[in-house]
Amino acid sequence: MTRVTVHTPDTAPEAARPELGALAKQFGKVLNIHGAMAHSPVVLQAYVAFQQVIGDYGTFDARTREAIVLVVGNVDECSYCQSAHTMGAKAAGLSQGQTIAIRKGTVDFDPKLAALLELARKAQPTRAP
C-alpha cells in the first residue's frame, strides 16, 4: 500500500515550508499529520487557515474543543487521534485522568462539559462493526 510521505520543513514542497515550519515551532516538532498534509501545500494551508478561523471566531475554549475531539476520536476508534488530542487536551489544562474520563464517557468533574460531550458522542456516527 502506498503511503503519503511525512515531510519535514526541509523536505516539504517549497509552498508548504512556511506553514510546516510554524506548526513545528508551535508543537515542538513536526506532528505526523502535519508532515503528511505538507505533501499538498493547499491542504496544509487550508488546515492552518481553518484552525485560525476556529480560534478567531469559535466560541469554545481550547479545553472544550480538545474534549470534543477526544470524544470523536474515541467513537471513531482512532488511536492516533486520541493520542494526539490527549496531548492537546493536557496542554489546554485537562489532567490525564480527565482525558481518560472524557474518552470513557464518565465525566464527573464538569457537569456542563459532560452534557456537551454526551451530545457530541450521540451526534457522532458510530463505526460499522
N, C-alpha and C. Protein backbone atom coordinates (compact mmCIF):
# COMPACT_ATOMS: atom_id res chain seq x y z
N MET A 1 0.85 -1.18 0.00
CA MET A 1 0.00 0.00 0.00
C MET A 1 0.89 1.24 0.00
N THR A 2 0.59 2.17 -0.86
CA THR A 2 1.36 3.41 -0.94
C THR A 2 1.00 4.30 0.23
N ARG A 3 2.00 4.92 0.79
CA ARG A 3 1.80 5.83 1.92
C ARG A 3 2.16 7.25 1.49
N VAL A 4 1.52 8.22 2.10
CA VAL A 4 1.86 9.62 1.87
C VAL A 4 3.13 9.93 2.67
N THR A 5 4.04 10.62 2.05
CA THR A 5 5.29 10.99 2.71
C THR A 5 5.01 11.95 3.86
N VAL A 6 5.64 11.71 4.98
CA VAL A 6 5.57 12.63 6.11
C VAL A 6 6.79 13.54 5.99
N HIS A 7 6.53 14.77 5.61
CA HIS A 7 7.61 15.72 5.34
C HIS A 7 8.12 16.41 6.60
N THR A 8 9.32 16.92 6.49
CA THR A 8 9.90 17.85 7.46
C THR A 8 9.92 19.21 6.76
N PRO A 9 10.21 20.28 7.48
CA PRO A 9 10.30 21.57 6.81
C PRO A 9 11.37 21.58 5.69
N ASP A 10 12.36 20.72 5.79
CA ASP A 10 13.39 20.67 4.76
C ASP A 10 12.98 19.87 3.53
N THR A 11 12.09 18.86 3.70
CA THR A 11 11.72 18.01 2.57
C THR A 11 10.38 18.37 1.96
N ALA A 12 9.63 19.24 2.60
CA ALA A 12 8.30 19.61 2.11
C ALA A 12 8.40 20.43 0.82
N PRO A 13 7.35 20.37 0.02
CA PRO A 13 7.32 21.27 -1.14
C PRO A 13 7.50 22.71 -0.67
N GLU A 14 8.15 23.50 -1.47
CA GLU A 14 8.50 24.88 -1.11
C GLU A 14 7.30 25.66 -0.56
N ALA A 15 6.14 25.51 -1.20
CA ALA A 15 4.96 26.27 -0.79
C ALA A 15 4.42 25.86 0.57
N ALA A 16 4.78 24.67 1.06
CA ALA A 16 4.29 24.20 2.35
C ALA A 16 5.27 24.49 3.49
N ARG A 17 6.47 24.88 3.16
CA ARG A 17 7.51 25.03 4.19
C ARG A 17 7.20 26.07 5.26
N PRO A 18 6.68 27.25 4.92
CA PRO A 18 6.41 28.23 5.99
C PRO A 18 5.40 27.71 7.02
N GLU A 19 4.30 27.13 6.53
CA GLU A 19 3.27 26.63 7.46
C GLU A 19 3.79 25.46 8.27
N LEU A 20 4.50 24.54 7.62
CA LEU A 20 5.00 23.38 8.33
C LEU A 20 6.04 23.79 9.37
N GLY A 21 6.88 24.74 9.02
CA GLY A 21 7.85 25.25 9.99
C GLY A 21 7.19 25.91 11.19
N ALA A 22 6.14 26.69 10.92
CA ALA A 22 5.42 27.35 12.01
C ALA A 22 4.72 26.33 12.91
N LEU A 23 4.13 25.30 12.32
CA LEU A 23 3.49 24.25 13.12
C LEU A 23 4.52 23.49 13.95
N ALA A 24 5.67 23.20 13.35
CA ALA A 24 6.73 22.50 14.08
C ALA A 24 7.17 23.33 15.28
N LYS A 25 7.28 24.63 15.09
CA LYS A 25 7.67 25.51 16.19
C LYS A 25 6.58 25.54 17.27
N GLN A 26 5.33 25.60 16.84
CA GLN A 26 4.21 25.65 17.78
C GLN A 26 4.12 24.38 18.63
N PHE A 27 4.33 23.21 18.01
CA PHE A 27 4.17 21.94 18.71
C PHE A 27 5.48 21.34 19.20
N GLY A 28 6.59 21.98 18.90
CA GLY A 28 7.88 21.49 19.34
C GLY A 28 8.47 20.41 18.44
N LYS A 29 7.73 20.02 17.43
CA LYS A 29 8.18 19.03 16.45
C LYS A 29 7.14 18.98 15.33
N VAL A 30 7.49 18.30 14.24
CA VAL A 30 6.53 18.10 13.17
C VAL A 30 5.66 16.91 13.56
N LEU A 31 4.38 17.15 13.75
CA LEU A 31 3.45 16.05 14.00
C LEU A 31 3.22 15.31 12.69
N ASN A 32 3.04 14.01 12.77
CA ASN A 32 2.86 13.21 11.55
C ASN A 32 1.74 13.74 10.67
N ILE A 33 0.64 14.16 11.26
CA ILE A 33 -0.48 14.63 10.46
C ILE A 33 -0.11 15.89 9.69
N HIS A 34 0.66 16.77 10.32
CA HIS A 34 1.08 17.99 9.63
C HIS A 34 2.08 17.67 8.53
N GLY A 35 3.02 16.77 8.82
CA GLY A 35 4.01 16.38 7.82
C GLY A 35 3.37 15.71 6.62
N ALA A 36 2.31 14.94 6.86
CA ALA A 36 1.60 14.29 5.75
C ALA A 36 0.80 15.30 4.95
N MET A 37 0.17 16.24 5.63
CA MET A 37 -0.59 17.27 4.91
C MET A 37 0.32 18.14 4.07
N ALA A 38 1.57 18.28 4.46
CA ALA A 38 2.52 19.12 3.72
C ALA A 38 2.77 18.59 2.32
N HIS A 39 2.44 17.33 2.07
CA HIS A 39 2.56 16.76 0.73
C HIS A 39 1.78 17.62 -0.27
N SER A 40 0.67 18.19 0.19
CA SER A 40 -0.15 19.09 -0.63
C SER A 40 -0.20 20.45 0.07
N PRO A 41 0.55 21.43 -0.43
CA PRO A 41 0.54 22.75 0.22
C PRO A 41 -0.87 23.33 0.39
N VAL A 42 -1.77 23.05 -0.54
CA VAL A 42 -3.14 23.56 -0.43
C VAL A 42 -3.82 22.98 0.80
N VAL A 43 -3.64 21.69 1.02
CA VAL A 43 -4.26 21.03 2.18
C VAL A 43 -3.70 21.62 3.47
N LEU A 44 -2.39 21.74 3.55
CA LEU A 44 -1.77 22.27 4.76
C LEU A 44 -2.19 23.71 5.01
N GLN A 45 -2.20 24.53 3.97
CA GLN A 45 -2.60 25.93 4.14
C GLN A 45 -4.07 26.04 4.53
N ALA A 46 -4.92 25.18 3.97
CA ALA A 46 -6.34 25.19 4.34
C ALA A 46 -6.51 24.78 5.80
N TYR A 47 -5.75 23.78 6.24
CA TYR A 47 -5.81 23.34 7.64
C TYR A 47 -5.41 24.48 8.57
N VAL A 48 -4.31 25.14 8.26
CA VAL A 48 -3.84 26.25 9.10
C VAL A 48 -4.88 27.36 9.13
N ALA A 49 -5.47 27.69 7.98
CA ALA A 49 -6.48 28.75 7.92
C ALA A 49 -7.72 28.36 8.71
N PHE A 50 -8.12 27.10 8.61
CA PHE A 50 -9.30 26.61 9.33
C PHE A 50 -9.07 26.70 10.83
N GLN A 51 -7.89 26.29 11.30
CA GLN A 51 -7.57 26.37 12.72
C GLN A 51 -7.58 27.82 13.20
N GLN A 52 -7.09 28.72 12.36
CA GLN A 52 -7.07 30.15 12.71
C GLN A 52 -8.48 30.70 12.83
N VAL A 53 -9.35 30.34 11.90
CA VAL A 53 -10.73 30.82 11.94
C VAL A 53 -11.45 30.29 13.19
N ILE A 54 -11.22 29.03 13.51
CA ILE A 54 -11.83 28.47 14.73
C ILE A 54 -11.34 29.24 15.95
N GLY A 55 -10.05 29.53 16.00
CA GLY A 55 -9.50 30.28 17.12
C GLY A 55 -10.04 31.70 17.19
N ASP A 56 -10.21 32.33 16.04
CA ASP A 56 -10.67 33.72 15.99
C ASP A 56 -12.16 33.87 16.27
N TYR A 57 -12.97 32.94 15.77
CA TYR A 57 -14.41 33.12 15.81
C TYR A 57 -15.17 32.05 16.60
N GLY A 58 -14.52 30.97 16.93
CA GLY A 58 -15.19 29.91 17.68
C GLY A 58 -15.54 30.37 19.09
N THR A 59 -16.55 29.75 19.66
CA THR A 59 -16.98 30.16 21.00
C THR A 59 -16.49 29.22 22.09
N PHE A 60 -15.95 28.07 21.71
CA PHE A 60 -15.42 27.14 22.71
C PHE A 60 -13.95 27.42 22.96
N ASP A 61 -13.56 27.31 24.22
CA ASP A 61 -12.14 27.46 24.55
C ASP A 61 -11.38 26.20 24.13
N ALA A 62 -10.06 26.27 24.20
CA ALA A 62 -9.21 25.16 23.75
C ALA A 62 -9.51 23.88 24.53
N ARG A 63 -9.76 24.00 25.80
CA ARG A 63 -10.05 22.83 26.66
C ARG A 63 -11.29 22.10 26.16
N THR A 64 -12.34 22.86 25.86
CA THR A 64 -13.59 22.28 25.39
C THR A 64 -13.43 21.68 24.00
N ARG A 65 -12.73 22.39 23.10
CA ARG A 65 -12.51 21.87 21.75
C ARG A 65 -11.75 20.54 21.80
N GLU A 66 -10.72 20.47 22.63
CA GLU A 66 -9.95 19.23 22.73
C GLU A 66 -10.79 18.11 23.33
N ALA A 67 -11.65 18.43 24.28
CA ALA A 67 -12.52 17.41 24.86
C ALA A 67 -13.47 16.85 23.80
N ILE A 68 -14.00 17.72 22.96
CA ILE A 68 -14.91 17.28 21.90
C ILE A 68 -14.19 16.35 20.92
N VAL A 69 -12.99 16.73 20.49
CA VAL A 69 -12.29 15.88 19.53
C VAL A 69 -11.81 14.58 20.18
N LEU A 70 -11.60 14.58 21.47
CA LEU A 70 -11.29 13.32 22.16
C LEU A 70 -12.48 12.36 22.08
N VAL A 71 -13.68 12.89 22.25
CA VAL A 71 -14.89 12.06 22.14
C VAL A 71 -15.02 11.53 20.71
N VAL A 72 -14.84 12.39 19.74
CA VAL A 72 -14.96 11.96 18.34
C VAL A 72 -13.92 10.89 18.03
N GLY A 73 -12.68 11.10 18.46
CA GLY A 73 -11.64 10.11 18.25
C GLY A 73 -11.96 8.78 18.92
N ASN A 74 -12.58 8.86 20.09
CA ASN A 74 -12.96 7.64 20.80
C ASN A 74 -14.05 6.90 20.05
N VAL A 75 -15.09 7.60 19.62
CA VAL A 75 -16.18 6.97 18.88
C VAL A 75 -15.64 6.37 17.58
N ASP A 76 -14.73 7.08 16.93
CA ASP A 76 -14.14 6.60 15.67
C ASP A 76 -13.11 5.49 15.89
N GLU A 77 -12.76 5.25 17.15
CA GLU A 77 -11.73 4.27 17.49
C GLU A 77 -10.40 4.60 16.81
N CYS A 78 -10.08 5.88 16.75
CA CYS A 78 -8.83 6.33 16.12
C CYS A 78 -7.78 6.54 17.21
N SER A 79 -6.86 5.60 17.32
CA SER A 79 -5.85 5.69 18.38
C SER A 79 -4.92 6.87 18.16
N TYR A 80 -4.62 7.20 16.90
CA TYR A 80 -3.77 8.36 16.62
C TYR A 80 -4.46 9.63 17.11
N CYS A 81 -5.73 9.79 16.77
CA CYS A 81 -6.48 10.99 17.18
C CYS A 81 -6.55 11.10 18.70
N GLN A 82 -6.82 9.98 19.35
CA GLN A 82 -6.92 10.00 20.81
C GLN A 82 -5.58 10.36 21.45
N SER A 83 -4.52 9.84 20.90
CA SER A 83 -3.19 10.14 21.43
C SER A 83 -2.84 11.62 21.22
N ALA A 84 -3.03 12.08 20.00
CA ALA A 84 -2.69 13.47 19.68
C ALA A 84 -3.53 14.45 20.48
N HIS A 85 -4.82 14.17 20.59
CA HIS A 85 -5.69 15.11 21.30
C HIS A 85 -5.62 14.96 22.81
N THR A 86 -5.12 13.84 23.31
CA THR A 86 -4.82 13.76 24.73
C THR A 86 -3.70 14.73 25.05
N MET A 87 -2.69 14.76 24.19
CA MET A 87 -1.59 15.71 24.36
C MET A 87 -2.11 17.15 24.30
N GLY A 88 -2.99 17.41 23.31
CA GLY A 88 -3.57 18.75 23.18
C GLY A 88 -4.45 19.12 24.36
N ALA A 89 -5.21 18.16 24.85
CA ALA A 89 -6.09 18.41 25.99
C ALA A 89 -5.28 18.73 27.24
N LYS A 90 -4.19 18.00 27.44
CA LYS A 90 -3.33 18.28 28.60
C LYS A 90 -2.70 19.66 28.47
N ALA A 91 -2.31 20.03 27.26
CA ALA A 91 -1.75 21.38 27.05
C ALA A 91 -2.81 22.45 27.29
N ALA A 92 -4.09 22.10 27.08
CA ALA A 92 -5.18 23.05 27.28
C ALA A 92 -5.67 23.08 28.73
N GLY A 93 -5.08 22.25 29.60
CA GLY A 93 -5.41 22.33 31.01
C GLY A 93 -6.13 21.14 31.61
N LEU A 94 -6.42 20.12 30.82
CA LEU A 94 -7.06 18.93 31.36
C LEU A 94 -5.99 17.98 31.90
N SER A 95 -6.32 17.26 32.94
CA SER A 95 -5.37 16.29 33.51
C SER A 95 -5.45 14.98 32.74
N GLN A 96 -4.48 14.12 32.96
CA GLN A 96 -4.50 12.78 32.34
C GLN A 96 -5.77 12.04 32.74
N GLY A 97 -6.12 12.09 34.02
CA GLY A 97 -7.34 11.43 34.49
C GLY A 97 -8.59 11.97 33.83
N GLN A 98 -8.63 13.28 33.62
CA GLN A 98 -9.79 13.88 32.96
C GLN A 98 -9.88 13.44 31.50
N THR A 99 -8.75 13.33 30.82
CA THR A 99 -8.78 12.88 29.43
C THR A 99 -9.28 11.44 29.33
N ILE A 100 -8.90 10.62 30.29
CA ILE A 100 -9.37 9.23 30.31
C ILE A 100 -10.88 9.21 30.55
N ALA A 101 -11.35 10.02 31.49
CA ALA A 101 -12.79 10.08 31.77
C ALA A 101 -13.56 10.56 30.54
N ILE A 102 -13.01 11.51 29.81
CA ILE A 102 -13.67 12.00 28.59
C ILE A 102 -13.79 10.88 27.57
N ARG A 103 -12.71 10.14 27.37
CA ARG A 103 -12.75 9.04 26.40
C ARG A 103 -13.73 7.95 26.83
N LYS A 104 -13.82 7.69 28.12
CA LYS A 104 -14.73 6.65 28.63
C LYS A 104 -16.18 7.12 28.70
N GLY A 105 -16.39 8.42 28.65
CA GLY A 105 -17.74 8.95 28.79
C GLY A 105 -18.20 9.03 30.22
N THR A 106 -17.24 9.19 31.15
CA THR A 106 -17.56 9.24 32.58
C THR A 106 -17.10 10.57 33.19
N VAL A 107 -17.43 11.66 32.54
CA VAL A 107 -17.01 12.98 33.01
C VAL A 107 -17.84 13.36 34.22
N ASP A 108 -17.18 13.45 35.38
CA ASP A 108 -17.88 13.84 36.60
C ASP A 108 -17.29 15.11 37.21
N PHE A 109 -16.36 15.73 36.52
CA PHE A 109 -15.68 16.91 37.06
C PHE A 109 -16.23 18.23 36.53
N ASP A 110 -17.15 18.17 35.55
CA ASP A 110 -17.71 19.40 34.97
C ASP A 110 -19.05 19.03 34.33
N PRO A 111 -20.16 19.30 35.01
CA PRO A 111 -21.48 18.87 34.51
C PRO A 111 -21.83 19.46 33.13
N LYS A 112 -21.48 20.72 32.89
CA LYS A 112 -21.79 21.33 31.58
C LYS A 112 -20.98 20.67 30.48
N LEU A 113 -19.70 20.42 30.75
CA LEU A 113 -18.86 19.75 29.77
C LEU A 113 -19.36 18.33 29.53
N ALA A 114 -19.78 17.65 30.59
CA ALA A 114 -20.30 16.29 30.47
C ALA A 114 -21.52 16.27 29.53
N ALA A 115 -22.42 17.23 29.68
CA ALA A 115 -23.61 17.28 28.84
C ALA A 115 -23.24 17.55 27.38
N LEU A 116 -22.32 18.46 27.16
CA LEU A 116 -21.87 18.78 25.80
C LEU A 116 -21.21 17.56 25.15
N LEU A 117 -20.38 16.87 25.91
CA LEU A 117 -19.67 15.71 25.36
C LEU A 117 -20.61 14.55 25.10
N GLU A 118 -21.64 14.41 25.91
CA GLU A 118 -22.63 13.36 25.65
C GLU A 118 -23.37 13.67 24.34
N LEU A 119 -23.68 14.93 24.11
CA LEU A 119 -24.31 15.33 22.85
C LEU A 119 -23.37 15.04 21.68
N ALA A 120 -22.09 15.38 21.83
CA ALA A 120 -21.11 15.12 20.77
C ALA A 120 -20.99 13.62 20.50
N ARG A 121 -21.00 12.83 21.56
CA ARG A 121 -20.89 11.37 21.41
C ARG A 121 -22.11 10.82 20.65
N LYS A 122 -23.29 11.32 20.98
CA LYS A 122 -24.50 10.83 20.31
C LYS A 122 -24.61 11.34 18.88
N ALA A 123 -24.06 12.51 18.61
CA ALA A 123 -24.13 13.09 17.26
C ALA A 123 -23.13 12.45 16.31
N GLN A 124 -22.09 11.86 16.85
CA GLN A 124 -21.04 11.23 16.04
C GLN A 124 -21.50 9.85 15.59
N PRO A 125 -21.58 9.62 14.29
CA PRO A 125 -21.99 8.26 13.87
C PRO A 125 -20.97 7.23 14.33
N THR A 126 -21.46 6.09 14.73
CA THR A 126 -20.53 5.04 15.20
C THR A 126 -19.98 4.27 14.01
N ARG A 127 -18.83 3.69 14.22
CA ARG A 127 -18.19 2.89 13.18
C ARG A 127 -18.96 1.59 12.99
N ALA A 128 -18.94 1.13 11.76
CA ALA A 128 -19.56 -0.17 11.48
C ALA A 128 -18.70 -1.27 12.09
N PRO A 129 -19.31 -2.34 12.58
CA PRO A 129 -18.52 -3.41 13.22
C PRO A 129 -17.59 -4.11 12.23
